[in-house]
C-alpha cells in the first residue's frame, strides 16, 4: 500500500492575500494530521471487522506507514 498526497496548493495560494498565505501551511498540516490520526484510530476496528482474529502485525502495519509519511 502506498500513500500518495497531491495538492494544487500553488494555484490556490496565488489567489490569496498576505494574511491568508500566512495561515495556509498550518491549516494544511492540521488537516493532514487529523486525517492520518483518524485513519490510524479507525484501522484496528476495520481490521477486526474484516478478519476474525487480526494479528498484531496486521494491526500495527498501517500505523508504521503513517508514521513514515507524517512523523509527529
PDB file of N, CA and C in Angstrom:
ATOM      1  N   UNK A   1       0.837  -1.175   0.000  1.00  0.00           N
ATOM      2  CA  UNK A   1       0.000   0.000   0.000  1.00  0.00           C
ATOM      3  C   UNK A   1       0.880   1.235   0.000  1.00  0.00           C
ATOM      4  N   UNK A   2       0.548   2.185  -0.835  1.00  0.00           N
ATOM      5  CA  UNK A   2       1.265   3.447  -0.875  1.00  0.00           C
ATOM      6  C   UNK A   2       0.312   4.575  -0.520  1.00  0.00           C
ATOM      7  N   UNK A   3       0.847   5.554   0.169  1.00  0.00           N
ATOM      8  CA  UNK A   3       0.066   6.744   0.489  1.00  0.00           C
ATOM      9  C   UNK A   3       0.574   7.856  -0.405  1.00  0.00           C
ATOM     10  N   UNK A   4      -0.314   8.431  -1.191  1.00  0.00           N
ATOM     11  CA  UNK A   4       0.055   9.492  -2.118  1.00  0.00           C
ATOM     12  C   UNK A   4      -0.750  10.739  -1.792  1.00  0.00           C
ATOM     13  N   UNK A   5      -0.042  11.805  -1.518  1.00  0.00           N
ATOM     14  CA  UNK A   5      -0.694  13.081  -1.227  1.00  0.00           C
ATOM     15  C   UNK A   5      -0.362  14.059  -2.348  1.00  0.00           C
ATOM     16  N   UNK A   6      -1.403  14.593  -2.976  1.00  0.00           N
ATOM     17  CA  UNK A   6      -1.214  15.596  -4.021  1.00  0.00           C
ATOM     18  C   UNK A   6      -2.078  16.800  -3.688  1.00  0.00           C
ATOM     19  N   UNK A   7      -1.647  17.938  -4.182  1.00  0.00           N
ATOM     20  CA  UNK A   7      -2.451  19.141  -3.953  1.00  0.00           C
ATOM     21  C   UNK A   7      -2.228  20.140  -5.075  1.00  0.00           C
ATOM     22  N   UNK A   8      -3.090  21.097  -5.134  1.00  0.00           N
ATOM     23  CA  UNK A   8      -2.928  22.211  -6.065  1.00  0.00           C
ATOM     24  C   UNK A   8      -2.696  23.484  -5.264  1.00  0.00           C
ATOM     25  N   UNK A   9      -1.923  23.363  -4.210  1.00  0.00           N
ATOM     26  CA  UNK A   9      -1.743  24.454  -3.264  1.00  0.00           C
ATOM     27  C   UNK A   9      -1.091  25.680  -3.911  1.00  0.00           C
ATOM     28  N   UNK A  10      -0.204  25.479  -4.893  1.00  0.00           N
ATOM     29  CA  UNK A  10       0.427  26.632  -5.544  1.00  0.00           C
ATOM     30  C   UNK A  10      -0.612  27.492  -6.257  1.00  0.00           C
ATOM     31  N   UNK A  11      -1.539  26.850  -6.928  1.00  0.00           N
ATOM     32  CA  UNK A  11      -2.592  27.595  -7.615  1.00  0.00           C
ATOM     33  C   UNK A  11      -3.519  28.298  -6.649  1.00  0.00           C
ATOM     34  N   UNK A  12      -3.792  27.655  -5.531  1.00  0.00           N
ATOM     35  CA  UNK A  12      -4.689  28.241  -4.531  1.00  0.00           C
ATOM     36  C   UNK A  12      -4.028  29.438  -3.859  1.00  0.00           C
ATOM     37  N   UNK A  13      -2.760  29.292  -3.496  1.00  0.00           N
ATOM     38  CA  UNK A  13      -2.103  30.382  -2.767  1.00  0.00           C
ATOM     39  C   UNK A  13      -1.880  31.620  -3.626  1.00  0.00           C
ATOM     40  N   UNK A  14      -1.843  31.488  -4.936  1.00  0.00           N
ATOM     41  CA  UNK A  14      -1.684  32.657  -5.802  1.00  0.00           C
ATOM     42  C   UNK A  14      -2.855  33.623  -5.655  1.00  0.00           C
ATOM     43  N   UNK A  15      -4.022  33.083  -5.351  1.00  0.00           N
ATOM     44  CA  UNK A  15      -5.210  33.935  -5.249  1.00  0.00           C
ATOM     45  C   UNK A  15      -5.461  34.444  -3.822  1.00  0.00           C
ATOM     46  N   UNK A  16      -4.598  34.105  -2.890  1.00  0.00           N
ATOM     47  CA  UNK A  16      -4.793  34.523  -1.501  1.00  0.00           C
ATOM     48  C   UNK A  16      -4.023  35.798  -1.191  1.00  0.00           C
ATOM     49  N   UNK A  17      -4.497  36.489  -0.174  1.00  0.00           N
ATOM     50  CA  UNK A  17      -3.805  37.686   0.305  1.00  0.00           C
ATOM     51  C   UNK A  17      -2.662  37.315   1.230  1.00  0.00           C
ATOM     52  N   UNK A  18      -1.904  38.317   1.645  1.00  0.00           N
ATOM     53  CA  UNK A  18      -0.727  38.094   2.501  1.00  0.00           C
ATOM     54  C   UNK A  18      -1.104  37.433   3.822  1.00  0.00           C
ATOM     55  N   UNK A  19      -2.117  37.909   4.479  1.00  0.00           N
ATOM     56  CA  UNK A  19      -2.531  37.355   5.760  1.00  0.00           C
ATOM     57  C   UNK A  19      -3.014  35.913   5.600  1.00  0.00           C
ATOM     58  N   UNK A  20      -3.769  35.653   4.547  1.00  0.00           N
ATOM     59  CA  UNK A  20      -4.270  34.303   4.313  1.00  0.00           C
ATOM     60  C   UNK A  20      -3.128  33.335   4.018  1.00  0.00           C
ATOM     61  N   UNK A  21      -2.138  33.792   3.274  1.00  0.00           N
ATOM     62  CA  UNK A  21      -0.990  32.936   2.954  1.00  0.00           C
ATOM     63  C   UNK A  21      -0.232  32.519   4.211  1.00  0.00           C
ATOM     64  N   UNK A  22      -0.253  33.364   5.215  1.00  0.00           N
ATOM     65  CA  UNK A  22       0.446  33.070   6.461  1.00  0.00           C
ATOM     66  C   UNK A  22      -0.156  31.843   7.152  1.00  0.00           C
ATOM     67  N   UNK A  23      -1.462  31.649   7.038  1.00  0.00           N
ATOM     68  CA  UNK A  23      -2.139  30.582   7.761  1.00  0.00           C
ATOM     69  C   UNK A  23      -2.332  29.294   6.957  1.00  0.00           C
ATOM     70  N   UNK A  24      -2.111  29.344   5.649  1.00  0.00           N
ATOM     71  CA  UNK A  24      -2.329  28.162   4.800  1.00  0.00           C
ATOM     72  C   UNK A  24      -1.456  26.976   5.201  1.00  0.00           C
ATOM     73  N   UNK A  25      -0.132  27.135   5.392  1.00  0.00           N
ATOM     74  CA  UNK A  25       0.679  25.960   5.743  1.00  0.00           C
ATOM     75  C   UNK A  25       0.216  25.270   7.025  1.00  0.00           C
ATOM     76  N   UNK A  26      -0.138  26.051   8.027  1.00  0.00           N
ATOM     77  CA  UNK A  26      -0.599  25.476   9.286  1.00  0.00           C
ATOM     78  C   UNK A  26      -1.941  24.762   9.105  1.00  0.00           C
ATOM     79  N   UNK A  27      -2.835  25.336   8.329  1.00  0.00           N
ATOM     80  CA  UNK A  27      -4.140  24.711   8.093  1.00  0.00           C
ATOM     81  C   UNK A  27      -3.989  23.390   7.335  1.00  0.00           C
ATOM     82  N   UNK A  28      -3.104  23.369   6.360  1.00  0.00           N
ATOM     83  CA  UNK A  28      -2.870  22.134   5.602  1.00  0.00           C
ATOM     84  C   UNK A  28      -2.269  21.071   6.498  1.00  0.00           C
ATOM     85  N   UNK A  29      -1.278  21.442   7.292  1.00  0.00           N
ATOM     86  CA  UNK A  29      -0.636  20.498   8.209  1.00  0.00           C
ATOM     87  C   UNK A  29      -1.665  19.918   9.192  1.00  0.00           C
ATOM     88  N   UNK A  30      -2.516  20.775   9.736  1.00  0.00           N
ATOM     89  CA  UNK A  30      -3.542  20.300  10.672  1.00  0.00           C
ATOM     90  C   UNK A  30      -4.525  19.352   9.998  1.00  0.00           C
ATOM     91  N   UNK A  31      -4.933  19.664   8.778  1.00  0.00           N
ATOM     92  CA  UNK A  31      -5.880  18.806   8.056  1.00  0.00           C
ATOM     93  C   UNK A  31      -5.279  17.434   7.778  1.00  0.00           C
ATOM     94  N   UNK A  32      -4.025  17.415   7.336  1.00  0.00           N
ATOM     95  CA  UNK A  32      -3.364  16.128   7.067  1.00  0.00           C
ATOM     96  C   UNK A  32      -3.204  15.331   8.351  1.00  0.00           C
ATOM     97  N   UNK A  33      -2.760  15.974   9.414  1.00  0.00           N
ATOM     98  CA  UNK A  33      -2.576  15.274  10.686  1.00  0.00           C
ATOM     99  C   UNK A  33      -3.886  14.700  11.211  1.00  0.00           C
ATOM    100  N   UNK A  34      -4.948  15.471  11.168  1.00  0.00           N
ATOM    101  CA  UNK A  34      -6.237  14.977  11.651  1.00  0.00           C
ATOM    102  C   UNK A  34      -6.729  13.795  10.822  1.00  0.00           C
ATOM    103  N   UNK A  35      -6.514  13.869   9.513  1.00  0.00           N
ATOM    104  CA  UNK A  35      -6.916  12.761   8.643  1.00  0.00           C
ATOM    105  C   UNK A  35      -6.135  11.499   8.972  1.00  0.00           C
ATOM    106  N   UNK A  36      -4.811  11.626   9.108  1.00  0.00           N
ATOM    107  CA  UNK A  36      -3.988  10.452   9.392  1.00  0.00           C
ATOM    108  C   UNK A  36      -4.243   9.898  10.788  1.00  0.00           C
ATOM    109  N   UNK A  37      -4.449  10.747  11.775  1.00  0.00           N
ATOM    110  CA  UNK A  37      -4.756  10.248  13.115  1.00  0.00           C
ATOM    111  C   UNK A  37      -6.101   9.521  13.128  1.00  0.00           C
ATOM    112  N   UNK A  38      -7.068  10.039  12.399  1.00  0.00           N
ATOM    113  CA  UNK A  38      -8.360   9.363  12.302  1.00  0.00           C
ATOM    114  C   UNK A  38      -8.235   8.016  11.622  1.00  0.00           C
ATOM    115  N   UNK A  39      -7.426   7.966  10.585  1.00  0.00           N
ATOM    116  CA  UNK A  39      -7.196   6.702   9.881  1.00  0.00           C
ATOM    117  C   UNK A  39      -6.500   5.704  10.786  1.00  0.00           C
ATOM    118  N   UNK A  40      -5.499   6.187  11.513  1.00  0.00           N
ATOM    119  CA  UNK A  40      -4.768   5.300  12.429  1.00  0.00           C
ATOM    120  C   UNK A  40      -5.685   4.762  13.526  1.00  0.00           C
ATOM    121  N   UNK A  41      -6.612   5.576  13.982  1.00  0.00           N
ATOM    122  CA  UNK A  41      -7.535   5.151  15.029  1.00  0.00           C
ATOM    123  C   UNK A  41      -8.581   4.169  14.496  1.00  0.00           C
ATOM    124  N   UNK A  42      -9.044   4.385  13.273  1.00  0.00           N
ATOM    125  CA  UNK A  42     -10.091   3.539  12.702  1.00  0.00           C
ATOM    126  C   UNK A  42      -9.556   2.219  12.149  1.00  0.00           C
ATOM    127  N   UNK A  43      -8.283   2.153  11.814  1.00  0.00           N
ATOM    128  CA  UNK A  43      -7.723   0.961  11.177  1.00  0.00           C
ATOM    129  C   UNK A  43      -7.899  -0.317  11.993  1.00  0.00           C
ATOM    130  N   UNK A  44      -7.563  -0.350  13.288  1.00  0.00           N
ATOM    131  CA  UNK A  44      -7.747  -1.599  14.042  1.00  0.00           C
ATOM    132  C   UNK A  44      -9.203  -2.062  14.070  1.00  0.00           C
ATOM    133  N   UNK A  45     -10.125  -1.137  14.198  1.00  0.00           N
ATOM    134  CA  UNK A  45     -11.545  -1.509  14.217  1.00  0.00           C
ATOM    135  C   UNK A  45     -11.965  -2.103  12.875  1.00  0.00           C
ATOM    136  N   UNK A  46     -11.479  -1.507  11.790  1.00  0.00           N
ATOM    137  CA  UNK A  46     -11.802  -2.018  10.459  1.00  0.00           C
ATOM    138  C   UNK A  46     -11.190  -3.401  10.249  1.00  0.00           C
ATOM    139  N   UNK A  47      -9.948  -3.584  10.696  1.00  0.00           N
ATOM    140  CA  UNK A  47      -9.298  -4.889  10.554  1.00  0.00           C
ATOM    141  C   UNK A  47     -10.060  -5.959  11.334  1.00  0.00           C
ATOM    142  N   UNK A  48     -10.561  -5.611  12.505  1.00  0.00           N
ATOM    143  CA  UNK A  48     -11.307  -6.576  13.312  1.00  0.00           C
ATOM    144  C   UNK A  48     -12.636  -6.933  12.665  1.00  0.00           C
ATOM    145  N   UNK A  49     -13.220  -6.009  11.908  1.00  0.00           N
ATOM    146  CA  UNK A  49     -14.484  -6.312  11.245  1.00  0.00           C
ATOM    147  C   UNK A  49     -14.267  -7.170  10.000  1.00  0.00           C
ATOM    148  N   UNK A  50     -13.076  -7.097   9.413  1.00  0.00           N
ATOM    149  CA  UNK A  50     -12.769  -7.869   8.210  1.00  0.00           C
ATOM    150  C   UNK A  50     -12.233  -9.248   8.572  1.00  0.00           C
ATOM    151  N   UNK A  51     -11.409  -9.321   9.571  1.00  0.00           N
ATOM    152  CA  UNK A  51     -10.780 -10.572   9.976  1.00  0.00           C
ATOM    153  C   UNK A  51     -11.222 -10.916  11.385  1.00  0.00           C
ATOM    154  N   UNK A  52     -11.492 -12.182  11.618  1.00  0.00           N
ATOM    155  CA  UNK A  52     -11.936 -12.589  12.952  1.00  0.00           C
ATOM    156  C   UNK A  52     -10.852 -12.381  13.996  1.00  0.00           C
ATOM    157  N   UNK A  53      -9.617 -12.706  13.633  1.00  0.00           N
ATOM    158  CA  UNK A  53      -8.508 -12.558  14.566  1.00  0.00           C
ATOM    159  C   UNK A  53      -7.306 -11.939  13.860  1.00  0.00           C
ATOM    160  N   UNK A  54      -7.298 -10.619  13.678  1.00  0.00           N
ATOM    161  CA  UNK A  54      -6.143  -9.996  13.027  1.00  0.00           C
ATOM    162  C   UNK A  54      -4.905 -10.101  13.915  1.00  0.00           C
ATOM    163  N   UNK A  55      -3.770 -10.283  13.280  1.00  0.00           N
ATOM    164  CA  UNK A  55      -2.522 -10.382  14.041  1.00  0.00           C
ATOM    165  C   UNK A  55      -2.064  -8.994  14.472  1.00  0.00           C
ATOM    166  N   UNK A  56      -1.168  -8.985  15.424  1.00  0.00           N
ATOM    167  CA  UNK A  56      -0.601  -7.722  15.892  1.00  0.00           C
ATOM    168  C   UNK A  56       0.112  -7.014  14.746  1.00  0.00           C
ATOM    169  N   UNK A  57       0.768  -7.805  13.897  1.00  0.00           N
ATOM    170  CA  UNK A  57       1.480  -7.235  12.742  1.00  0.00           C
ATOM    171  C   UNK A  57       0.498  -6.519  11.806  1.00  0.00           C
ATOM    172  N   UNK A  58      -0.622  -7.137  11.553  1.00  0.00           N
ATOM    173  CA  UNK A  58      -1.618  -6.517  10.686  1.00  0.00           C
ATOM    174  C   UNK A  58      -2.133  -5.215  11.286  1.00  0.00           C
ATOM    175  N   UNK A  59      -2.350  -5.208  12.571  1.00  0.00           N
ATOM    176  CA  UNK A  59      -2.872  -4.014  13.227  1.00  0.00           C
ATOM    177  C   UNK A  59      -1.835  -2.889  13.297  1.00  0.00           C
ATOM    178  N   UNK A  60      -0.566  -3.237  13.387  1.00  0.00           N
ATOM    179  CA  UNK A  60       0.487  -2.232  13.529  1.00  0.00           C
ATOM    180  C   UNK A  60       1.006  -1.725  12.193  1.00  0.00           C
ATOM    181  N   UNK A  61       0.714  -2.427  11.108  1.00  0.00           N
ATOM    182  CA  UNK A  61       1.291  -2.086   9.812  1.00  0.00           C
ATOM    183  C   UNK A  61       0.922  -0.669   9.360  1.00  0.00           C
ATOM    184  N   UNK A  62      -0.338  -0.321   9.407  1.00  0.00           N
ATOM    185  CA  UNK A  62      -0.752   0.994   8.933  1.00  0.00           C
ATOM    186  C   UNK A  62      -0.193   2.107   9.807  1.00  0.00           C
ATOM    187  N   UNK A  63      -0.130   1.874  11.096  1.00  0.00           N
ATOM    188  CA  UNK A  63       0.446   2.873  11.993  1.00  0.00           C
ATOM    189  C   UNK A  63       1.883   3.170  11.595  1.00  0.00           C
ATOM    190  N   UNK A  64       2.627   2.127  11.253  1.00  0.00           N
ATOM    191  CA  UNK A  64       4.009   2.305  10.811  1.00  0.00           C
ATOM    192  C   UNK A  64       4.055   3.103   9.508  1.00  0.00           C
ATOM    193  N   UNK A  65       3.172   2.802   8.575  1.00  0.00           N
ATOM    194  CA  UNK A  65       3.142   3.514   7.301  1.00  0.00           C
ATOM    195  C   UNK A  65       2.825   4.997   7.515  1.00  0.00           C
ATOM    196  N   UNK A  66       1.886   5.286   8.387  1.00  0.00           N
ATOM    197  CA  UNK A  66       1.502   6.674   8.650  1.00  0.00           C
ATOM    198  C   UNK A  66       2.651   7.437   9.289  1.00  0.00           C
ATOM    199  N   UNK A  67       3.352   6.820  10.222  1.00  0.00           N
ATOM    200  CA  UNK A  67       4.463   7.491  10.877  1.00  0.00           C
ATOM    201  C   UNK A  67       5.591   7.799   9.907  1.00  0.00           C
ATOM    202  N   UNK A  68       5.764   6.951   8.876  1.00  0.00           N
ATOM    203  CA  UNK A  68       6.790   7.227   7.876  1.00  0.00           C
ATOM    204  C   UNK A  68       6.397   8.421   7.006  1.00  0.00           C
ATOM    205  N   UNK A  69       5.130   8.528   6.705  1.00  0.00           N
ATOM    206  CA  UNK A  69       4.643   9.617   5.853  1.00  0.00           C
ATOM    207  C   UNK A  69       4.587  10.927   6.613  1.00  0.00           C
ATOM    208  N   UNK A  70       4.106  10.869   7.827  1.00  0.00           N
ATOM    209  CA  UNK A  70       3.863  12.093   8.596  1.00  0.00           C
ATOM    210  C   UNK A  70       4.341  11.897  10.031  1.00  0.00           C
ATOM    211  N   UNK A  71       5.668  11.951  10.269  1.00  0.00           N
ATOM    212  CA  UNK A  71       6.154  11.783  11.640  1.00  0.00           C
ATOM    213  C   UNK A  71       5.693  12.947  12.520  1.00  0.00           C
ATOM    214  N   UNK A  72       5.330  12.631  13.731  1.00  0.00           N
ATOM    215  CA  UNK A  72       4.850  13.663  14.649  1.00  0.00           C
ATOM    216  C   UNK A  72       5.847  13.863  15.756  1.00  0.00           C
TER     217      UNK A  72
END
